[in-house]
Amino acid sequence: MFHVKLPGHDAIARQADEHLVTHKVKLPRKVVEHPFRQVAKRVLMALLVLAATALIVYADRDGYNDSSDQSVDFLDAWYYATVTLSTTGYGDITPVSDAARLTNIFVITPLRVLFLIILVGTTLEVLTERTREEWRLNRWRSTLRDHTVVVGFGTKGRSAIQTVCATGLKKEQVVVVDPSGKAIDAATADGYAGIVGDATRSEVLMRAEVHRARKIIIATQRDDTAVLVTLTARQLNKGAKIVAAVREEENAPLLKQSGADAVITSASAAGRLLGLSVLSPAAGMVMEDLIQQGSGLDIVERPVIKAEVGRKPRDTDDLVVSVLRGHRVLGYDDPAIGTLELTDRLITIVRATPGTQVAPDARPLPPMPSQ
């Protein structure tokens, strides 16, 4: 059984849950008042009602009779207010004057009702909130299709999400998996659904609906973890596109054997960019601009349009870098291309505008079932 938790719970409860629960589903939500503050406000309101009742009784203490000593002091007033508001009513202190009885009818009784509403309302709100979150979770799971699962919400994971979202992917179609509760809190604060847990375990990936995902991005901190996550993800989803990042280049072949479609060596890529920037700072700036999706120049993949069929890559309006034909990626000057075909896809460099931000292999998502 998994635990549903949303951002805003107190730190102590969060730490305790992380030790007791193996994985948790967190959905993004609007920022609401801290639950501890909500409870504290209700307790304060209840105490104010209790204090007001005690002061009213003490002010009219001559109209009350105490069976033990026939007089009502300040402590007796608090005692009477407590047993009256809690509906206990031992009967040892009773109103005897007409004024005291009228006060009980028109003042004490409404305060008693208000006191009960405050206490019962807090319980009902907690139960209602749990029911609401269970409903949100079930609805989220039932409508999640062809989404993107990102394992690891560190620097690499954040950058990967920003890139795919810049191409038009909605935040509702991204699920983050990370063993750190703080990382998932940051993800949900940014609007992404999150799973707290170890992604090497199949049950955690199943909570992320990885078996129905279209893309899986693996950006873990350790290469051995990336291998295990890739093996588990490929076992659960045979058709998803899996892209993984590794630190050491020698581990890249192992990732591909584990089922990754593409492997990015983060250390080598950063080193090559550093070397290019040393040799040519301008070229380094261009490469960095291409990497940052959604601004300046973007590198995008798009299908060939009918007007381009029969042309050479250089004759198109866009700057074509490569041609994807079947499972082959051909350079723009490769003689094997000949002329463009309708089934080809082009890798082009374009100026980033809202109209040119096209997500690779983007297909319309199926309609979400109504609730």
Protein backbone atom coordinates (compact mmCIF):
# COMPACT_ATOMS: atom_id res chain seq x y z
CA MET A 1 0.00 0.00 0.00
CA PHE A 2 1.36 3.42 -0.92
CA HIS A 3 0.91 6.72 0.85
CA VAL A 4 -0.52 9.78 -0.86
CA LYS A 5 1.06 13.02 0.27
CA LEU A 6 0.98 16.56 -1.04
CA PRO A 7 3.40 19.45 -0.45
CA GLY A 8 2.74 21.32 2.76
CA HIS A 9 2.98 18.61 5.42
CA ASP A 10 5.26 19.37 8.33
CA ALA A 11 8.89 18.30 8.22
CA ILE A 12 8.64 15.86 11.14
CA ALA A 13 5.82 13.91 9.55
CA ARG A 14 7.64 13.92 6.23
CA GLN A 15 10.80 12.43 7.72
CA ALA A 16 8.83 9.78 9.57
CA ASP A 17 6.94 8.81 6.43
CA GLU A 18 10.15 8.48 4.43
CA HIS A 19 11.40 5.88 6.90
CA LEU A 20 8.13 3.96 7.11
CA VAL A 21 6.90 4.07 3.50
CA THR A 22 8.88 2.76 0.56
CA HIS A 23 7.30 5.05 -2.01
CA LYS A 24 4.79 7.88 -2.13
CA VAL A 25 2.84 9.55 -4.89
CA LYS A 26 2.79 13.35 -4.80
CA LEU A 27 0.62 15.41 -7.11
CA PRO A 28 1.15 19.11 -7.75
CA ARG A 29 -1.37 21.41 -6.17
CA LYS A 30 -1.91 25.03 -5.30
CA VAL A 31 -0.12 26.28 -2.23
CA VAL A 32 -2.41 26.07 0.77
CA GLU A 33 -2.00 26.92 4.43
CA HIS A 34 0.19 24.60 6.44
CA PRO A 35 -1.92 21.86 8.13
CA PHE A 36 -0.31 22.60 11.51
CA ARG A 37 -1.41 26.22 11.24
CA GLN A 38 -4.93 25.15 10.32
CA VAL A 39 -5.16 22.92 13.40
CA ALA A 40 -3.53 25.57 15.60
CA LYS A 41 -6.11 28.12 14.49
CA ARG A 42 -8.96 25.78 15.38
CA VAL A 43 -7.46 24.98 18.78
CA LEU A 44 -7.04 28.69 19.45
CA MET A 45 -10.66 29.34 18.46
CA ALA A 46 -11.85 26.55 20.78
CA LEU A 47 -9.81 27.98 23.66
CA LEU A 48 -11.25 31.44 23.04
CA VAL A 49 -14.78 30.02 23.15
CA LEU A 50 -13.92 28.20 26.37
CA ALA A 51 -12.43 31.34 27.92
CA ALA A 52 -15.42 33.46 26.90
CA THR A 53 -17.78 30.93 28.47
CA ALA A 54 -15.78 30.82 31.71
CA LEU A 55 -15.74 34.62 31.97
CA ILE A 56 -19.48 34.83 31.35
CA VAL A 57 -20.16 32.27 34.10
CA TYR A 58 -17.78 33.97 36.52
CA ALA A 59 -19.35 37.36 35.86
CA ASP A 60 -22.74 35.90 36.84
CA ARG A 61 -21.37 33.55 39.53
CA ASP A 62 -24.06 34.59 42.03
CA GLY A 63 -26.66 32.97 39.81
CA TYR A 64 -24.95 29.53 40.01
CA ASN A 65 -24.91 27.01 42.81
CA ASP A 66 -22.10 24.59 43.60
CA SER A 67 -23.35 21.51 45.46
CA SER A 68 -20.06 21.18 47.32
CA ASP A 69 -19.64 24.64 48.90
CA GLN A 70 -22.65 26.62 47.59
CA SER A 71 -20.37 29.22 45.89
CA VAL A 72 -18.72 29.50 42.47
CA ASP A 73 -15.18 30.87 42.23
CA PHE A 74 -12.96 31.43 39.16
CA LEU A 75 -11.80 27.82 39.01
CA ASP A 76 -15.39 26.61 39.27
CA ALA A 77 -16.31 28.88 36.35
CA TRP A 78 -13.64 27.26 34.17
CA TYR A 79 -14.71 23.82 35.33
CA TYR A 80 -18.35 24.53 34.52
CA ALA A 81 -17.42 25.94 31.08
CA THR A 82 -15.34 22.85 30.29
CA VAL A 83 -17.95 20.23 31.21
CA THR A 84 -20.72 22.28 29.61
CA LEU A 85 -19.03 22.88 26.24
CA SER A 86 -17.92 19.25 26.06
CA THR A 87 -21.55 18.20 26.79
CA THR A 88 -20.36 16.17 29.80
CA GLY A 89 -22.59 18.00 32.30
CA TYR A 90 -21.95 16.43 35.73
CA GLY A 91 -24.66 18.59 37.34
CA ASP A 92 -22.64 19.60 40.41
CA ILE A 93 -22.75 23.26 39.33
CA THR A 94 -26.12 24.50 38.09
CA PRO A 95 -27.66 27.85 37.14
CA VAL A 96 -30.30 28.78 39.69
CA SER A 97 -31.22 32.39 38.93
CA ASP A 98 -33.38 33.42 35.99
CA ALA A 99 -30.56 35.55 34.55
CA ALA A 100 -28.12 32.63 34.67
CA ARG A 101 -30.62 30.31 33.00
CA LEU A 102 -31.37 32.85 30.26
CA THR A 103 -27.62 33.26 29.73
CA ASN A 104 -27.29 29.48 29.34
CA ILE A 105 -30.12 29.40 26.81
CA PHE A 106 -29.09 32.31 24.60
CA VAL A 107 -25.30 32.49 25.13
CA ILE A 108 -23.82 29.30 26.57
CA THR A 109 -25.76 26.96 24.28
CA PRO A 110 -24.69 28.74 21.03
CA LEU A 111 -21.11 28.74 22.32
CA ARG A 112 -21.41 25.01 22.97
CA VAL A 113 -22.60 24.44 19.41
CA LEU A 114 -19.75 26.59 18.06
CA PHE A 115 -17.24 24.67 20.17
CA LEU A 116 -18.47 21.35 18.78
CA ILE A 117 -18.45 22.65 15.21
CA ILE A 118 -14.82 23.68 15.60
CA LEU A 119 -13.75 20.28 16.93
CA VAL A 120 -15.89 18.15 14.62
CA GLY A 121 -15.12 20.40 11.65
CA THR A 122 -11.41 19.77 12.03
CA THR A 123 -11.93 16.00 11.93
CA LEU A 124 -14.29 16.20 8.97
CA GLU A 125 -11.88 18.40 7.05
CA VAL A 126 -9.05 15.93 7.56
CA LEU A 127 -11.23 13.06 6.34
CA THR A 128 -12.51 15.09 3.41
CA GLU A 129 -8.98 16.08 2.43
CA ARG A 130 -7.85 12.46 2.44
CA THR A 131 -10.84 11.42 0.34
CA ARG A 132 -10.22 14.27 -2.09
CA GLU A 133 -6.56 13.35 -2.51
CA GLU A 134 -7.41 9.69 -3.03
CA TRP A 135 -9.85 10.74 -5.74
CA ARG A 136 -7.24 13.00 -7.36
CA LEU A 137 -4.71 10.20 -7.35
CA ASN A 138 -7.07 7.65 -8.88
CA ARG A 139 -8.17 10.11 -11.53
CA TRP A 140 -4.55 11.01 -12.31
CA ARG A 141 -3.59 7.38 -12.76
CA SER A 142 -6.58 6.60 -14.96
CA THR A 143 -5.89 9.49 -17.35
CA LEU A 144 -2.09 9.17 -17.57
CA ARG A 145 -1.08 7.94 -21.01
CA ASP A 146 1.96 8.40 -23.29
CA HIS A 147 3.70 10.50 -20.69
CA THR A 148 7.36 11.09 -19.89
CA VAL A 149 8.97 9.54 -16.81
CA VAL A 150 12.08 11.27 -15.50
CA VAL A 151 14.18 9.32 -13.00
CA GLY A 152 16.28 11.71 -10.95
CA PHE A 153 15.49 15.37 -10.29
CA GLY A 154 19.01 16.68 -10.01
CA THR A 155 20.69 19.11 -12.38
CA LYS A 156 20.49 16.71 -15.34
CA GLY A 157 16.90 15.73 -14.67
CA ARG A 158 15.74 19.34 -14.28
CA SER A 159 17.45 20.39 -17.50
CA ALA A 160 15.97 17.46 -19.39
CA ILE A 161 12.46 18.34 -18.21
CA GLN A 162 12.91 21.99 -19.12
CA THR A 163 14.03 20.97 -22.61
CA VAL A 164 11.13 18.63 -23.34
CA CYS A 165 8.61 21.08 -21.89
CA ALA A 166 10.06 23.85 -24.07
CA THR A 167 9.06 21.77 -27.10
CA GLY A 168 5.42 21.75 -26.08
CA LEU A 169 5.11 18.90 -23.59
CA LYS A 170 2.64 19.74 -20.83
CA LYS A 171 3.71 19.52 -17.21
CA GLU A 172 0.78 17.17 -16.56
CA GLN A 173 2.51 14.66 -18.86
CA VAL A 174 5.71 14.50 -16.77
CA VAL A 175 6.24 12.21 -13.78
CA VAL A 176 9.39 12.51 -11.69
CA VAL A 177 10.84 9.62 -9.68
CA ASP A 178 13.47 10.30 -7.03
CA PRO A 179 14.39 8.72 -3.67
CA SER A 180 14.67 12.14 -2.03
CA GLY A 181 11.53 13.64 -0.57
CA LYS A 182 13.00 17.13 -0.89
CA ALA A 183 13.64 16.62 -4.60
CA ILE A 184 10.03 15.49 -5.14
CA ASP A 185 8.78 18.47 -3.13
CA ALA A 186 10.72 20.70 -5.54
CA ALA A 187 9.25 18.83 -8.51
CA THR A 188 5.67 19.16 -7.30
CA ALA A 189 6.28 22.83 -6.55
CA ASP A 190 7.21 23.23 -10.23
CA GLY A 191 3.98 21.54 -11.28
CA TYR A 192 5.10 17.95 -11.91
CA ALA A 193 3.73 14.78 -10.36
CA GLY A 194 6.32 12.92 -8.30
CA ILE A 195 7.03 9.50 -6.84
CA VAL A 196 9.25 9.19 -3.79
CA GLY A 197 11.06 5.87 -4.03
CA ASP A 198 13.87 3.77 -5.45
CA ALA A 199 13.45 3.56 -9.24
CA THR A 200 15.37 0.28 -9.39
CA ARG A 201 12.28 -1.36 -7.90
CA SER A 202 9.57 -2.30 -10.35
CA GLU A 203 6.74 -1.39 -7.94
CA VAL A 204 7.98 2.19 -7.76
CA LEU A 205 8.11 2.51 -11.56
CA MET A 206 4.66 0.95 -11.76
CA ARG A 207 3.36 3.77 -9.53
CA ALA A 208 4.74 6.16 -12.15
CA GLU A 209 2.75 4.22 -14.79
CA VAL A 210 6.01 3.54 -16.62
CA HIS A 211 4.38 0.66 -18.49
CA ARG A 212 2.20 3.24 -20.28
CA ALA A 213 4.90 5.89 -20.78
CA ARG A 214 6.15 7.00 -24.18
CA LYS A 215 9.55 8.30 -23.06
CA ILE A 216 11.77 7.52 -20.08
CA ILE A 217 14.66 9.78 -19.11
CA ILE A 218 17.15 8.30 -16.66
CA ALA A 219 19.31 10.94 -14.97
CA THR A 220 20.55 9.24 -11.82
CA GLN A 221 23.67 10.22 -9.88
CA ARG A 222 25.37 6.81 -10.21
CA ASP A 223 26.07 4.75 -13.32
CA ASP A 224 25.27 1.42 -11.66
CA THR A 225 21.89 2.80 -10.59
CA ALA A 226 21.23 3.94 -14.15
CA VAL A 227 21.90 0.41 -15.42
CA LEU A 228 19.48 -1.16 -12.94
CA VAL A 229 16.79 1.42 -13.66
CA THR A 230 17.19 0.89 -17.39
CA LEU A 231 16.86 -2.88 -17.04
CA THR A 232 13.76 -2.53 -14.87
CA ALA A 233 12.14 0.09 -17.11
CA ARG A 234 12.78 -1.91 -20.29
CA GLN A 235 11.30 -5.00 -18.69
CA LEU A 236 8.12 -3.10 -17.83
CA ASN A 237 7.85 -1.22 -21.14
CA LYS A 238 9.21 -2.78 -24.32
CA GLY A 239 8.25 0.08 -26.64
CA ALA A 240 9.19 3.24 -24.77
CA LYS A 241 12.10 5.39 -25.86
CA ILE A 242 14.67 5.24 -23.07
CA VAL A 243 17.44 7.83 -22.84
CA ALA A 244 20.00 7.50 -20.06
CA ALA A 245 22.88 9.61 -18.81
CA VAL A 246 26.15 8.17 -17.47
CA ARG A 247 29.22 9.77 -16.00
CA GLU A 248 31.85 7.41 -17.42
CA GLU A 249 32.01 6.74 -21.15
CA GLU A 250 33.05 3.13 -20.59
CA ASN A 251 29.62 2.43 -19.06
CA ALA A 252 27.72 3.63 -22.14
CA PRO A 253 27.78 0.23 -23.94
CA LEU A 254 26.43 -1.43 -20.79
CA LEU A 255 23.49 1.00 -20.75
CA LYS A 256 22.70 0.20 -24.38
CA GLN A 257 22.83 -3.52 -23.68
CA SER A 258 20.44 -2.93 -20.79
CA GLY A 259 17.85 -1.47 -23.15
CA ALA A 260 18.62 2.25 -23.52
CA ASP A 261 17.94 3.68 -26.98
CA ALA A 262 20.41 6.51 -26.45
CA VAL A 263 23.13 7.12 -23.88
CA ILE A 264 24.59 10.53 -23.08
CA THR A 265 27.97 10.70 -21.38
CA SER A 266 27.62 13.79 -19.25
CA ALA A 267 31.28 14.13 -18.30
CA SER A 268 32.55 13.70 -21.88
CA ALA A 269 29.91 16.02 -23.32
CA ALA A 270 30.81 18.74 -20.82
CA GLY A 271 34.51 18.21 -21.56
CA ARG A 272 34.02 18.49 -25.30
CA LEU A 273 32.03 21.71 -24.84
CA LEU A 274 34.81 23.08 -22.65
CA GLY A 275 37.43 22.20 -25.25
CA LEU A 276 35.37 23.74 -28.06
CA SER A 277 34.91 26.93 -26.04
CA VAL A 278 38.68 27.18 -25.54
CA LEU A 279 39.40 26.73 -29.24
CA SER A 280 36.55 28.97 -30.36
CA PRO A 281 34.49 30.87 -27.76
CA ALA A 282 32.00 31.86 -30.47
CA ALA A 283 31.48 28.24 -31.50
CA GLY A 284 31.02 27.31 -27.85
CA MET A 285 28.38 30.00 -27.51
CA VAL A 286 26.53 28.65 -30.56
CA MET A 287 26.60 25.11 -29.19
CA GLU A 288 25.31 26.29 -25.82
CA ASP A 289 22.57 28.22 -27.60
CA LEU A 290 21.53 25.07 -29.48
CA ILE A 291 21.44 23.08 -26.24
CA GLN A 292 19.16 25.60 -24.53
CA GLN A 293 15.80 24.77 -26.03
CA GLY A 294 13.27 27.55 -26.57
CA SER A 295 15.62 30.52 -27.03
CA GLY A 296 17.92 31.65 -29.82
CA LEU A 297 18.65 28.79 -32.19
CA ASP A 298 17.00 25.40 -31.69
CA ILE A 299 17.70 22.03 -33.24
CA VAL A 300 14.44 20.24 -33.97
CA GLU A 301 13.20 17.12 -35.70
CA ARG A 302 10.28 17.42 -38.07
CA PRO A 303 8.69 15.44 -40.93
CA VAL A 304 9.23 16.27 -44.58
CA ILE A 305 6.33 18.24 -46.05
CA LYS A 306 4.88 17.54 -49.49
CA ALA A 307 6.42 20.65 -50.99
CA GLU A 308 9.89 19.37 -50.08
CA VAL A 309 9.51 15.91 -51.61
CA GLY A 310 11.97 15.49 -54.51
CA ARG A 311 14.24 18.28 -53.32
CA LYS A 312 17.72 18.04 -51.94
CA PRO A 313 18.29 18.88 -48.24
CA ARG A 314 20.05 22.14 -49.18
CA ASP A 315 17.05 23.29 -51.23
CA THR A 316 14.68 23.46 -48.25
CA ASP A 317 13.88 26.68 -46.42
CA ASP A 318 15.35 25.38 -43.15
CA LEU A 319 18.97 24.64 -42.38
CA VAL A 320 19.03 20.84 -42.58
CA VAL A 321 21.72 19.11 -40.53
CA SER A 322 20.77 15.47 -41.02
CA VAL A 323 18.09 13.31 -42.61
CA LEU A 324 16.47 10.46 -40.72
CA ARG A 325 15.55 7.72 -43.18
CA GLY A 326 14.25 4.58 -41.59
CA HIS A 327 16.69 3.76 -38.82
CA ARG A 328 19.61 5.59 -40.45
CA VAL A 329 20.77 9.11 -39.69
CA LEU A 330 22.39 10.57 -42.80
CA GLY A 331 24.39 13.78 -43.00
CA TYR A 332 22.94 16.56 -45.14
CA ASP A 333 25.67 16.00 -47.78
CA ASP A 334 25.47 12.20 -47.83
CA PRO A 335 25.08 11.03 -51.45
CA ALA A 336 22.81 8.20 -50.25
CA ILE A 337 20.07 10.74 -49.57
CA GLY A 338 19.52 11.70 -53.20
CA THR A 339 16.25 13.60 -52.87
CA LEU A 340 13.91 13.88 -49.92
CA GLU A 341 11.10 11.39 -49.51
CA LEU A 342 7.76 11.86 -47.76
CA THR A 343 8.68 9.29 -45.11
CA ASP A 344 11.91 11.08 -44.19
CA ARG A 345 12.36 13.24 -41.11
CA LEU A 346 14.66 16.24 -41.00
CA ILE A 347 16.97 17.42 -38.24
CA THR A 348 17.04 21.18 -38.74
CA ILE A 349 18.32 24.32 -37.04
CA VAL A 350 15.66 27.00 -36.71
CA ARG A 351 15.14 30.28 -34.92
CA ALA A 352 13.22 29.57 -31.71
CA THR A 353 9.68 30.93 -31.93
CA PRO A 354 6.38 29.56 -30.57
CA GLY A 355 5.55 28.31 -34.04
CA THR A 356 8.77 26.35 -34.48
CA GLN A 357 8.88 24.59 -31.13
CA VAL A 358 7.98 21.15 -32.43
CA ALA A 359 8.41 18.18 -30.17
CA PRO A 360 10.22 15.24 -31.80
CA ASP A 361 7.97 12.30 -32.73
CA ALA A 362 5.05 14.29 -31.27
CA ARG A 363 1.70 12.61 -31.75
CA PRO A 364 -1.68 13.70 -30.46
CA LEU A 365 -2.50 12.26 -27.09
CA PRO A 366 -5.64 10.13 -26.69
CA PRO A 367 -8.59 11.92 -25.12
CA MET A 368 -8.73 11.76 -21.36
CA PRO A 369 -11.72 9.84 -19.97
CA SER A 370 -14.25 12.06 -18.27
CA GLN A 371 -14.74 11.65 -14.55
